[in-house]
N, C-alpha and C. Protein backbone atom coordinates (compact mmCIF):
# COMPACT_ATOMS: atom_id res chain seq x y z
N MET A 1 -2.01 2.14 -16.14
CA MET A 1 -1.74 2.59 -14.79
C MET A 1 -1.34 4.07 -14.84
N LYS A 2 -1.74 4.82 -13.83
CA LYS A 2 -1.46 6.25 -13.78
C LYS A 2 -0.22 6.51 -12.92
N HIS A 3 0.35 7.69 -13.13
CA HIS A 3 1.53 8.10 -12.36
C HIS A 3 1.24 8.03 -10.85
N GLU A 4 0.06 8.50 -10.46
CA GLU A 4 -0.30 8.54 -9.04
C GLU A 4 -0.39 7.13 -8.45
N ASP A 5 -0.88 6.18 -9.24
CA ASP A 5 -0.97 4.79 -8.76
C ASP A 5 0.42 4.20 -8.52
N ILE A 6 1.31 4.49 -9.44
CA ILE A 6 2.70 4.02 -9.30
C ILE A 6 3.31 4.63 -8.04
N HIS A 7 3.10 5.93 -7.88
CA HIS A 7 3.64 6.64 -6.72
C HIS A 7 3.13 6.00 -5.42
N GLU A 8 1.84 5.72 -5.34
CA GLU A 8 1.27 5.11 -4.13
C GLU A 8 1.88 3.74 -3.84
N ARG A 9 2.06 2.94 -4.89
CA ARG A 9 2.63 1.61 -4.71
C ARG A 9 4.03 1.70 -4.10
N TYR A 10 4.85 2.61 -4.59
CA TYR A 10 6.22 2.72 -4.08
C TYR A 10 6.28 3.42 -2.72
N LYS A 11 5.35 4.33 -2.45
CA LYS A 11 5.29 4.93 -1.11
C LYS A 11 5.04 3.84 -0.07
N LYS A 12 4.19 2.88 -0.40
CA LYS A 12 3.93 1.77 0.53
C LYS A 12 5.20 0.95 0.75
N LEU A 13 5.97 0.72 -0.31
CA LEU A 13 7.22 -0.03 -0.16
C LEU A 13 8.22 0.73 0.71
N PHE A 14 8.32 2.04 0.50
CA PHE A 14 9.22 2.85 1.32
C PHE A 14 8.79 2.82 2.79
N ARG A 15 7.48 2.93 3.02
CA ARG A 15 6.99 2.91 4.41
C ARG A 15 7.25 1.55 5.07
N LYS A 16 7.07 0.48 4.32
CA LYS A 16 7.35 -0.86 4.85
C LYS A 16 8.83 -0.99 5.21
N LEU A 17 9.69 -0.45 4.34
CA LEU A 17 11.13 -0.47 4.63
C LEU A 17 11.43 0.32 5.90
N GLN A 18 10.75 1.46 6.08
CA GLN A 18 10.92 2.23 7.31
C GLN A 18 10.55 1.39 8.53
N GLU A 19 9.44 0.69 8.44
CA GLU A 19 9.00 -0.16 9.57
C GLU A 19 10.06 -1.22 9.89
N ILE A 20 10.60 -1.84 8.86
CA ILE A 20 11.61 -2.88 9.06
C ILE A 20 12.86 -2.30 9.71
N ILE A 21 13.26 -1.13 9.27
CA ILE A 21 14.45 -0.48 9.84
C ILE A 21 14.21 -0.12 11.30
N LEU A 22 13.02 0.37 11.61
CA LEU A 22 12.70 0.72 13.01
C LEU A 22 12.75 -0.51 13.91
N VAL A 23 12.22 -1.64 13.44
CA VAL A 23 12.28 -2.88 14.21
C VAL A 23 13.74 -3.31 14.38
N SER A 24 14.52 -3.20 13.32
CA SER A 24 15.95 -3.56 13.39
C SER A 24 16.67 -2.68 14.41
N LYS A 25 16.38 -1.41 14.37
CA LYS A 25 17.00 -0.47 15.32
C LYS A 25 16.65 -0.85 16.75
N ASP A 26 15.38 -1.17 16.98
CA ASP A 26 14.94 -1.58 18.32
C ASP A 26 15.68 -2.82 18.80
N ARG A 27 15.95 -3.74 17.89
CA ARG A 27 16.63 -4.98 18.28
C ARG A 27 18.10 -4.73 18.65
N VAL A 28 18.63 -3.62 18.19
CA VAL A 28 20.03 -3.30 18.48
C VAL A 28 20.15 -2.50 19.77
N ILE A 29 19.17 -1.65 20.05
CA ILE A 29 19.30 -0.76 21.22
C ILE A 29 18.47 -1.20 22.43
N CYS A 30 17.71 -2.27 22.33
CA CYS A 30 16.89 -2.72 23.45
C CYS A 30 17.77 -3.35 24.54
N GLU A 31 17.17 -3.58 25.69
CA GLU A 31 17.93 -4.15 26.82
C GLU A 31 18.42 -5.55 26.51
N GLU A 32 17.55 -6.36 25.91
CA GLU A 32 17.94 -7.71 25.52
C GLU A 32 18.37 -7.68 24.05
N ILE A 33 19.60 -7.37 23.83
CA ILE A 33 20.13 -7.16 22.48
C ILE A 33 20.04 -8.44 21.67
N ASP A 34 19.63 -8.27 20.44
CA ASP A 34 19.54 -9.39 19.49
C ASP A 34 20.93 -9.56 18.86
N THR A 35 21.63 -10.61 19.22
CA THR A 35 23.00 -10.81 18.74
C THR A 35 23.08 -10.97 17.23
N LEU A 36 22.05 -11.53 16.62
CA LEU A 36 22.04 -11.66 15.16
C LEU A 36 22.18 -10.28 14.51
N PHE A 37 21.46 -9.30 15.03
CA PHE A 37 21.53 -7.95 14.47
C PHE A 37 22.84 -7.27 14.82
N ILE A 38 23.28 -7.42 16.06
CA ILE A 38 24.54 -6.78 16.48
C ILE A 38 25.71 -7.32 15.66
N GLU A 39 25.77 -8.62 15.48
CA GLU A 39 26.90 -9.22 14.76
C GLU A 39 26.83 -8.99 13.25
N ASN A 40 25.67 -8.64 12.74
CA ASN A 40 25.51 -8.48 11.28
C ASN A 40 24.92 -7.12 10.91
N ILE A 41 25.15 -6.12 11.75
CA ILE A 41 24.54 -4.81 11.52
C ILE A 41 24.96 -4.22 10.17
N ASN A 42 26.20 -4.43 9.77
CA ASN A 42 26.67 -3.90 8.49
C ASN A 42 25.92 -4.56 7.32
N PHE A 43 25.67 -5.85 7.45
CA PHE A 43 24.91 -6.56 6.42
C PHE A 43 23.51 -5.99 6.29
N PHE A 44 22.84 -5.78 7.42
CA PHE A 44 21.48 -5.25 7.38
C PHE A 44 21.46 -3.82 6.82
N THR A 45 22.42 -3.02 7.23
CA THR A 45 22.49 -1.65 6.73
C THR A 45 22.68 -1.63 5.22
N LYS A 46 23.60 -2.44 4.73
CA LYS A 46 23.83 -2.53 3.28
C LYS A 46 22.56 -2.98 2.56
N SER A 47 21.90 -3.99 3.10
CA SER A 47 20.69 -4.54 2.46
C SER A 47 19.59 -3.48 2.38
N TYR A 48 19.41 -2.73 3.45
CA TYR A 48 18.37 -1.71 3.46
C TYR A 48 18.70 -0.58 2.48
N LEU A 49 19.96 -0.21 2.42
CA LEU A 49 20.38 0.85 1.49
C LEU A 49 20.17 0.40 0.03
N ILE A 50 20.53 -0.83 -0.26
CA ILE A 50 20.34 -1.38 -1.61
C ILE A 50 18.86 -1.44 -1.95
N SER A 51 18.03 -1.87 -1.00
CA SER A 51 16.58 -1.92 -1.23
C SER A 51 16.02 -0.53 -1.51
N LEU A 52 16.45 0.44 -0.74
CA LEU A 52 15.99 1.82 -0.92
C LEU A 52 16.26 2.30 -2.34
N CYS A 53 17.48 2.11 -2.81
CA CYS A 53 17.85 2.55 -4.16
C CYS A 53 17.12 1.75 -5.24
N THR A 54 16.92 0.47 -4.98
CA THR A 54 16.20 -0.38 -5.94
C THR A 54 14.76 0.09 -6.10
N TYR A 55 14.10 0.41 -4.98
CA TYR A 55 12.73 0.91 -5.05
C TYR A 55 12.67 2.21 -5.85
N LEU A 56 13.62 3.10 -5.59
CA LEU A 56 13.64 4.37 -6.32
C LEU A 56 13.78 4.13 -7.82
N GLU A 57 14.74 3.31 -8.20
CA GLU A 57 14.98 3.06 -9.62
C GLU A 57 13.78 2.41 -10.29
N ALA A 58 13.15 1.46 -9.61
CA ALA A 58 11.98 0.80 -10.17
C ALA A 58 10.84 1.79 -10.35
N CYS A 59 10.65 2.66 -9.38
CA CYS A 59 9.60 3.68 -9.49
C CYS A 59 9.87 4.62 -10.66
N LEU A 60 11.10 5.09 -10.77
CA LEU A 60 11.46 6.00 -11.87
C LEU A 60 11.23 5.32 -13.23
N GLN A 61 11.61 4.06 -13.34
CA GLN A 61 11.41 3.34 -14.60
C GLN A 61 9.93 3.18 -14.92
N ASP A 62 9.13 2.87 -13.92
CA ASP A 62 7.69 2.72 -14.15
C ASP A 62 7.06 4.05 -14.57
N ILE A 63 7.42 5.13 -13.89
CA ILE A 63 6.88 6.45 -14.23
C ILE A 63 7.29 6.83 -15.66
N ALA A 64 8.56 6.64 -15.99
CA ALA A 64 9.05 6.98 -17.33
C ALA A 64 8.35 6.15 -18.40
N TYR A 65 8.17 4.87 -18.14
CA TYR A 65 7.54 3.99 -19.12
C TYR A 65 6.07 4.38 -19.35
N VAL A 66 5.35 4.61 -18.28
CA VAL A 66 3.94 5.01 -18.41
C VAL A 66 3.84 6.34 -19.14
N HIS A 67 4.74 7.26 -18.82
CA HIS A 67 4.72 8.57 -19.49
C HIS A 67 5.03 8.42 -20.99
N ALA A 68 6.01 7.58 -21.31
CA ALA A 68 6.35 7.35 -22.71
C ALA A 68 5.18 6.69 -23.45
N MET A 69 4.48 5.80 -22.78
CA MET A 69 3.31 5.17 -23.40
C MET A 69 2.23 6.21 -23.69
N GLU A 70 2.03 7.13 -22.76
CA GLU A 70 1.04 8.20 -22.97
C GLU A 70 1.43 9.09 -24.16
N ILE A 71 2.70 9.41 -24.26
CA ILE A 71 3.17 10.22 -25.39
C ILE A 71 2.93 9.46 -26.70
N GLY A 72 3.27 8.18 -26.69
CA GLY A 72 3.04 7.35 -27.88
C GLY A 72 1.58 7.31 -28.28
N GLN A 73 0.69 7.21 -27.29
CA GLN A 73 -0.74 7.17 -27.59
C GLN A 73 -1.23 8.51 -28.13
N ARG A 74 -0.76 9.60 -27.55
CA ARG A 74 -1.15 10.93 -28.05
C ARG A 74 -0.66 11.11 -29.49
N THR A 75 0.55 10.63 -29.76
CA THR A 75 1.09 10.73 -31.12
C THR A 75 0.25 9.91 -32.09
N LYS A 76 -0.11 8.71 -31.67
CA LYS A 76 -0.93 7.85 -32.53
C LYS A 76 -2.30 8.47 -32.77
N ASN A 77 -2.90 9.03 -31.72
CA ASN A 77 -4.21 9.68 -31.85
C ASN A 77 -4.17 10.89 -32.76
N ALA A 78 -3.00 11.54 -32.83
CA ALA A 78 -2.86 12.73 -33.69
C ALA A 78 -2.78 12.36 -35.17
N ARG A 79 -2.56 11.09 -35.46
CA ARG A 79 -2.51 10.59 -36.84
C ARG A 79 -1.51 11.38 -37.70
N ILE A 80 -0.29 11.40 -37.23
CA ILE A 80 0.79 12.11 -37.93
C ILE A 80 1.42 11.14 -38.93
N PRO A 81 1.50 11.54 -40.21
CA PRO A 81 2.13 10.65 -41.19
C PRO A 81 3.60 10.37 -40.82
N ARG A 82 3.95 9.12 -40.83
CA ARG A 82 5.30 8.68 -40.48
C ARG A 82 6.34 9.36 -41.36
N ASN A 83 6.08 9.44 -42.65
CA ASN A 83 7.04 10.04 -43.59
C ASN A 83 7.29 11.51 -43.27
N TYR A 84 6.24 12.22 -42.88
CA TYR A 84 6.39 13.64 -42.55
C TYR A 84 7.31 13.80 -41.33
N LEU A 85 7.10 12.97 -40.33
CA LEU A 85 7.91 13.06 -39.12
C LEU A 85 9.38 12.74 -39.43
N LEU A 86 9.60 11.70 -40.22
CA LEU A 86 10.98 11.36 -40.60
C LEU A 86 11.63 12.52 -41.36
N TRP A 87 10.90 13.07 -42.31
CA TRP A 87 11.41 14.16 -43.12
C TRP A 87 11.71 15.39 -42.27
N SER A 88 10.83 15.68 -41.30
CA SER A 88 11.00 16.86 -40.44
C SER A 88 12.21 16.72 -39.51
N LEU A 89 12.48 15.49 -39.07
CA LEU A 89 13.55 15.28 -38.10
C LEU A 89 14.89 14.92 -38.72
N ASP A 90 14.87 14.31 -39.89
CA ASP A 90 16.11 13.82 -40.49
C ASP A 90 16.03 13.99 -42.01
N LYS A 91 16.83 14.87 -42.54
CA LYS A 91 16.79 15.14 -43.98
C LYS A 91 17.49 14.05 -44.81
N GLU A 92 18.18 13.13 -44.16
CA GLU A 92 18.90 12.04 -44.83
C GLU A 92 18.08 10.74 -44.77
N ILE A 93 16.95 10.72 -45.42
CA ILE A 93 16.06 9.56 -45.35
C ILE A 93 16.28 8.68 -46.59
N LYS A 94 16.39 7.39 -46.34
CA LYS A 94 16.51 6.44 -47.45
C LYS A 94 15.11 6.05 -47.90
N LYS A 95 14.97 5.77 -49.17
CA LYS A 95 13.67 5.45 -49.74
C LYS A 95 13.01 4.26 -49.04
N LYS A 96 13.81 3.27 -48.63
CA LYS A 96 13.26 2.08 -47.98
C LYS A 96 12.70 2.38 -46.59
N GLU A 97 13.06 3.53 -46.01
CA GLU A 97 12.55 3.91 -44.69
C GLU A 97 11.14 4.50 -44.77
N LEU A 98 10.74 4.92 -45.96
CA LEU A 98 9.43 5.56 -46.13
C LEU A 98 8.32 4.51 -46.12
N ALA A 99 7.22 4.87 -45.44
CA ALA A 99 6.06 3.98 -45.39
C ALA A 99 4.82 4.86 -45.27
N PHE A 100 3.78 4.52 -45.98
CA PHE A 100 2.55 5.31 -45.96
C PHE A 100 1.64 4.83 -44.83
N GLU A 101 2.00 5.29 -43.63
CA GLU A 101 1.25 4.95 -42.43
C GLU A 101 1.44 6.05 -41.41
N ASP A 102 0.57 6.07 -40.42
CA ASP A 102 0.72 7.04 -39.34
C ASP A 102 1.80 6.55 -38.38
N ILE A 103 2.42 7.50 -37.74
CA ILE A 103 3.47 7.17 -36.79
C ILE A 103 2.86 6.42 -35.59
N ASP A 104 3.53 5.39 -35.15
CA ASP A 104 3.09 4.61 -34.01
C ASP A 104 4.35 4.28 -33.20
N ILE A 105 4.57 5.08 -32.17
CA ILE A 105 5.79 4.96 -31.36
C ILE A 105 5.45 4.21 -30.07
N LYS A 106 6.10 3.09 -29.89
CA LYS A 106 5.91 2.31 -28.66
C LYS A 106 7.21 2.37 -27.86
N PRO A 107 7.09 2.73 -26.59
CA PRO A 107 8.32 2.82 -25.78
C PRO A 107 8.94 1.45 -25.56
N ASP A 108 10.24 1.46 -25.43
CA ASP A 108 11.00 0.24 -25.17
C ASP A 108 11.40 0.25 -23.69
N LYS A 109 10.81 -0.65 -22.92
CA LYS A 109 11.06 -0.69 -21.47
C LYS A 109 12.54 -0.93 -21.17
N LYS A 110 13.19 -1.77 -21.98
CA LYS A 110 14.60 -2.07 -21.75
C LYS A 110 15.46 -0.83 -22.01
N GLU A 111 15.12 -0.08 -23.05
CA GLU A 111 15.87 1.13 -23.35
C GLU A 111 15.73 2.15 -22.23
N ILE A 112 14.51 2.29 -21.72
CA ILE A 112 14.29 3.20 -20.59
C ILE A 112 15.12 2.73 -19.40
N SER A 113 15.11 1.44 -19.13
CA SER A 113 15.87 0.89 -18.01
C SER A 113 17.37 1.14 -18.18
N ASN A 114 17.87 1.01 -19.41
CA ASN A 114 19.29 1.23 -19.66
C ASN A 114 19.70 2.69 -19.51
N ASP A 115 18.77 3.61 -19.85
CA ASP A 115 19.09 5.03 -19.82
C ASP A 115 18.80 5.70 -18.48
N LEU A 116 18.16 4.98 -17.58
CA LEU A 116 17.73 5.57 -16.32
C LEU A 116 18.34 4.81 -15.15
N SER A 117 18.73 5.55 -14.14
CA SER A 117 19.21 4.92 -12.90
C SER A 117 18.83 5.84 -11.76
N GLY A 118 19.24 5.47 -10.57
CA GLY A 118 19.01 6.33 -9.42
C GLY A 118 19.86 7.59 -9.46
N ASN A 119 20.89 7.58 -10.30
CA ASN A 119 21.75 8.75 -10.47
C ASN A 119 20.92 9.93 -10.97
N PRO A 120 20.86 11.03 -10.21
CA PRO A 120 20.01 12.15 -10.61
C PRO A 120 20.32 12.73 -11.99
N HIS A 121 21.59 12.72 -12.40
CA HIS A 121 21.93 13.29 -13.71
C HIS A 121 21.34 12.44 -14.84
N LYS A 122 21.38 11.12 -14.69
CA LYS A 122 20.76 10.24 -15.69
C LYS A 122 19.24 10.40 -15.67
N THR A 123 18.70 10.57 -14.47
CA THR A 123 17.26 10.78 -14.33
C THR A 123 16.84 12.06 -15.03
N ILE A 124 17.59 13.13 -14.81
CA ILE A 124 17.28 14.41 -15.45
C ILE A 124 17.28 14.26 -16.96
N MET A 125 18.29 13.59 -17.50
CA MET A 125 18.39 13.45 -18.97
C MET A 125 17.24 12.63 -19.54
N LEU A 126 16.93 11.50 -18.94
CA LEU A 126 15.86 10.67 -19.50
C LEU A 126 14.52 11.40 -19.45
N PHE A 127 14.25 12.08 -18.35
CA PHE A 127 12.98 12.80 -18.26
C PHE A 127 12.96 14.00 -19.21
N ARG A 128 14.11 14.57 -19.51
CA ARG A 128 14.15 15.62 -20.55
C ARG A 128 13.73 15.05 -21.90
N TYR A 129 14.19 13.83 -22.20
CA TYR A 129 13.78 13.18 -23.44
C TYR A 129 12.26 13.02 -23.50
N LEU A 130 11.65 12.89 -22.33
CA LEU A 130 10.19 12.73 -22.26
C LEU A 130 9.46 14.07 -22.17
N GLY A 131 10.22 15.16 -22.26
CA GLY A 131 9.61 16.48 -22.23
C GLY A 131 9.36 17.03 -20.84
N ILE A 132 10.03 16.46 -19.84
CA ILE A 132 9.82 16.87 -18.45
C ILE A 132 11.13 17.44 -17.90
N ASP A 133 11.07 18.70 -17.45
CA ASP A 133 12.25 19.34 -16.87
C ASP A 133 12.16 19.24 -15.35
N LEU A 134 12.82 18.24 -14.79
CA LEU A 134 12.76 18.02 -13.34
C LEU A 134 13.42 19.14 -12.56
N THR A 135 14.34 19.86 -13.19
CA THR A 135 15.07 20.92 -12.48
C THR A 135 14.17 22.13 -12.19
N ASN A 136 12.93 22.12 -12.68
CA ASN A 136 11.97 23.17 -12.35
C ASN A 136 11.39 23.00 -10.96
N ASP A 137 11.60 21.84 -10.36
CA ASP A 137 10.99 21.56 -9.06
C ASP A 137 12.00 21.79 -7.95
N GLU A 138 11.63 22.63 -7.00
CA GLU A 138 12.51 22.98 -5.89
C GLU A 138 12.85 21.77 -5.03
N ARG A 139 11.87 20.89 -4.80
CA ARG A 139 12.12 19.70 -3.97
C ARG A 139 13.09 18.75 -4.66
N PHE A 140 12.97 18.62 -5.98
CA PHE A 140 13.92 17.78 -6.71
C PHE A 140 15.33 18.33 -6.54
N ASN A 141 15.49 19.63 -6.77
CA ASN A 141 16.82 20.26 -6.67
C ASN A 141 17.39 20.17 -5.26
N LYS A 142 16.52 20.32 -4.25
CA LYS A 142 16.96 20.28 -2.85
C LYS A 142 17.49 18.89 -2.48
N ASN A 143 16.92 17.84 -3.06
CA ASN A 143 17.24 16.47 -2.64
C ASN A 143 18.17 15.71 -3.57
N LYS A 144 18.41 16.22 -4.77
CA LYS A 144 19.15 15.43 -5.76
C LYS A 144 20.59 15.14 -5.35
N ASP A 145 21.24 16.04 -4.64
CA ASP A 145 22.63 15.78 -4.24
C ASP A 145 22.72 14.63 -3.23
N LEU A 146 21.82 14.63 -2.25
CA LEU A 146 21.84 13.54 -1.27
C LEU A 146 21.46 12.22 -1.94
N VAL A 147 20.47 12.25 -2.83
CA VAL A 147 20.09 11.03 -3.55
C VAL A 147 21.29 10.52 -4.34
N GLY A 148 22.00 11.42 -5.02
CA GLY A 148 23.19 11.03 -5.77
C GLY A 148 24.26 10.41 -4.89
N THR A 149 24.46 10.96 -3.71
CA THR A 149 25.45 10.43 -2.77
C THR A 149 25.06 9.03 -2.29
N VAL A 150 23.77 8.85 -1.97
CA VAL A 150 23.30 7.55 -1.50
C VAL A 150 23.41 6.51 -2.61
N VAL A 151 23.05 6.89 -3.83
CA VAL A 151 23.14 5.96 -4.96
C VAL A 151 24.61 5.59 -5.22
N SER A 152 25.51 6.55 -5.12
CA SER A 152 26.95 6.26 -5.28
C SER A 152 27.43 5.30 -4.20
N LYS A 153 26.96 5.50 -2.98
CA LYS A 153 27.33 4.61 -1.87
C LYS A 153 26.82 3.19 -2.18
N ARG A 154 25.59 3.09 -2.67
CA ARG A 154 25.04 1.78 -3.03
C ARG A 154 25.87 1.13 -4.12
N ASN A 155 26.26 1.91 -5.13
CA ASN A 155 27.09 1.37 -6.22
C ASN A 155 28.43 0.86 -5.70
N ASN A 156 29.01 1.58 -4.76
CA ASN A 156 30.29 1.14 -4.18
C ASN A 156 30.11 -0.14 -3.36
N ILE A 157 28.98 -0.27 -2.71
CA ILE A 157 28.71 -1.49 -1.95
C ILE A 157 28.59 -2.67 -2.90
N ILE A 158 27.85 -2.48 -3.98
CA ILE A 158 27.60 -3.58 -4.92
C ILE A 158 28.86 -3.93 -5.73
N HIS A 159 29.54 -2.93 -6.24
CA HIS A 159 30.64 -3.19 -7.17
C HIS A 159 32.01 -3.33 -6.51
N HIS A 160 32.16 -2.77 -5.31
CA HIS A 160 33.47 -2.80 -4.66
C HIS A 160 33.41 -3.37 -3.25
N ASN A 161 32.28 -3.96 -2.89
CA ASN A 161 32.08 -4.54 -1.56
C ASN A 161 32.44 -3.54 -0.46
N ASP A 162 32.10 -2.28 -0.70
CA ASP A 162 32.35 -1.22 0.27
C ASP A 162 31.55 -1.50 1.54
N GLU A 163 32.07 -1.06 2.64
CA GLU A 163 31.37 -1.21 3.92
C GLU A 163 30.35 -0.08 4.07
N ALA A 164 29.41 -0.27 4.94
CA ALA A 164 28.40 0.76 5.21
C ALA A 164 28.47 1.17 6.67
N MET A 165 29.66 1.09 7.25
CA MET A 165 29.84 1.36 8.67
C MET A 165 29.51 2.82 9.03
N ASP A 166 29.58 3.71 8.04
CA ASP A 166 29.33 5.12 8.32
C ASP A 166 27.84 5.47 8.22
N ILE A 167 26.99 4.47 8.01
CA ILE A 167 25.55 4.71 7.88
C ILE A 167 24.82 4.02 9.03
N SER A 168 24.00 4.81 9.71
CA SER A 168 23.22 4.27 10.83
C SER A 168 21.78 3.99 10.39
N PHE A 169 21.03 3.32 11.25
CA PHE A 169 19.61 3.11 10.96
C PHE A 169 18.89 4.45 10.89
N ASP A 170 19.28 5.41 11.72
CA ASP A 170 18.66 6.74 11.65
C ASP A 170 18.97 7.43 10.32
N ASP A 171 20.19 7.24 9.81
CA ASP A 171 20.52 7.78 8.49
C ASP A 171 19.60 7.19 7.43
N LEU A 172 19.41 5.88 7.50
CA LEU A 172 18.54 5.21 6.52
C LEU A 172 17.12 5.74 6.58
N LEU A 173 16.61 5.96 7.78
CA LEU A 173 15.26 6.51 7.94
C LEU A 173 15.17 7.90 7.32
N ASN A 174 16.21 8.69 7.52
CA ASN A 174 16.27 10.02 6.92
C ASN A 174 16.33 9.92 5.39
N PHE A 175 17.14 9.00 4.88
CA PHE A 175 17.25 8.80 3.43
C PHE A 175 15.88 8.47 2.83
N ILE A 176 15.11 7.64 3.51
CA ILE A 176 13.80 7.27 2.98
C ILE A 176 12.91 8.51 2.87
N ASP A 177 12.92 9.36 3.89
CA ASP A 177 12.12 10.60 3.82
C ASP A 177 12.54 11.45 2.63
N VAL A 178 13.85 11.58 2.43
CA VAL A 178 14.37 12.38 1.32
C VAL A 178 13.98 11.74 -0.02
N PHE A 179 14.14 10.43 -0.14
CA PHE A 179 13.80 9.74 -1.38
C PHE A 179 12.31 9.87 -1.70
N MET A 180 11.47 9.82 -0.66
CA MET A 180 10.03 9.95 -0.89
C MET A 180 9.67 11.35 -1.40
N GLU A 181 10.30 12.38 -0.84
CA GLU A 181 10.04 13.74 -1.31
C GLU A 181 10.57 13.93 -2.73
N TYR A 182 11.73 13.38 -3.00
CA TYR A 182 12.35 13.43 -4.33
C TYR A 182 11.45 12.75 -5.36
N MET A 183 10.96 11.56 -5.00
CA MET A 183 10.08 10.80 -5.88
C MET A 183 8.77 11.55 -6.12
N GLU A 184 8.23 12.14 -5.07
CA GLU A 184 6.98 12.90 -5.19
C GLU A 184 7.16 14.08 -6.15
N ALA A 185 8.29 14.75 -6.08
CA ALA A 185 8.56 15.86 -6.99
C ALA A 185 8.58 15.39 -8.44
N ILE A 186 9.19 14.24 -8.69
CA ILE A 186 9.26 13.71 -10.06
C ILE A 186 7.87 13.33 -10.56
N VAL A 187 7.09 12.68 -9.72
CA VAL A 187 5.74 12.29 -10.11
C VAL A 187 4.89 13.53 -10.41
N GLU A 188 4.99 14.54 -9.57
CA GLU A 188 4.22 15.76 -9.80
C GLU A 188 4.63 16.45 -11.10
N GLN A 189 5.92 16.49 -11.40
CA GLN A 189 6.35 17.09 -12.68
C GLN A 189 5.82 16.29 -13.86
N ALA A 190 5.83 14.97 -13.75
CA ALA A 190 5.28 14.14 -14.83
C ALA A 190 3.78 14.38 -14.99
N CYS A 191 3.06 14.52 -13.90
CA CYS A 191 1.62 14.78 -13.96
C CYS A 191 1.35 16.16 -14.55
N LEU A 192 2.13 17.15 -14.17
CA LEU A 192 1.95 18.50 -14.73
C LEU A 192 2.18 18.50 -16.23
N CYS A 193 3.18 17.77 -16.66
CA CYS A 193 3.48 17.68 -18.09
C CYS A 193 2.33 16.99 -18.82
N ARG A 194 1.76 15.97 -18.21
CA ARG A 194 0.66 15.23 -18.80
C ARG A 194 -0.57 16.12 -18.93
N VAL A 195 -0.86 16.91 -17.90
CA VAL A 195 -2.03 17.78 -17.90
C VAL A 195 -1.88 18.89 -18.93
N SER A 196 -0.67 19.41 -19.10
CA SER A 196 -0.47 20.53 -20.02
C SER A 196 -0.46 20.09 -21.48
N ALA A 197 -0.38 18.79 -21.72
CA ALA A 197 -0.32 18.29 -23.10
C ALA A 197 -1.69 18.27 -23.73
C-alpha cells in the first residue's frame, strides 16, 4: 500500500465523522430537538473527539509502517553485508552476533505503535528515526500545537474522565479540518522522502 492510499482512506473516515457531527449538531439546534442528543451531548462530544484522535493515530502508524517497510526493502535490495553494518554502527560487537548474510530489516508494527501517538513531539521523533523531518513543513508547524492540545484533551477524557463541556460541535468540525491538513503535511513529507531516496 502507498502513502497516498493510506491518506485517502483516512480522509474518507474524517469526512464521514464530519457528516456525523453535522447531523448531531442539526439534532440539537433544530426546532424539534432530539432529547437523546440534548441529554447526552457531552457523551457525543467526547466520543467524536476520541474518534478523531484515534483516526489520526491509526493513520500515522500506517504511514510510518509502510515507510519503514520501504526503507527495509531498499536496504535489502542494496545487499549490504550485515556484519559491515554492525561494525559501522557499533564497535562493541560480540562474535556470536556476526553472520555472513545481507542485512534484512523488517519493521516491527508494535514498536512503531509504542513509539508513536497523536502527540506531535512523539510523532516528530518517530518520523525522524525514519529519516523524515516533519518540522520542514509549514502546515505541520502551523497545526501541531492545536493537534497537541486536542490529543491532551482526549487523554484527559480517557484517563481522568474529564468533561468535554468546553468543546462544541463547531469546534470538532474545525479540529477535523486542522487534523486533515496536519495529516496531509505528514503524508507529503513522507512521499518527498521516498522520492528523494
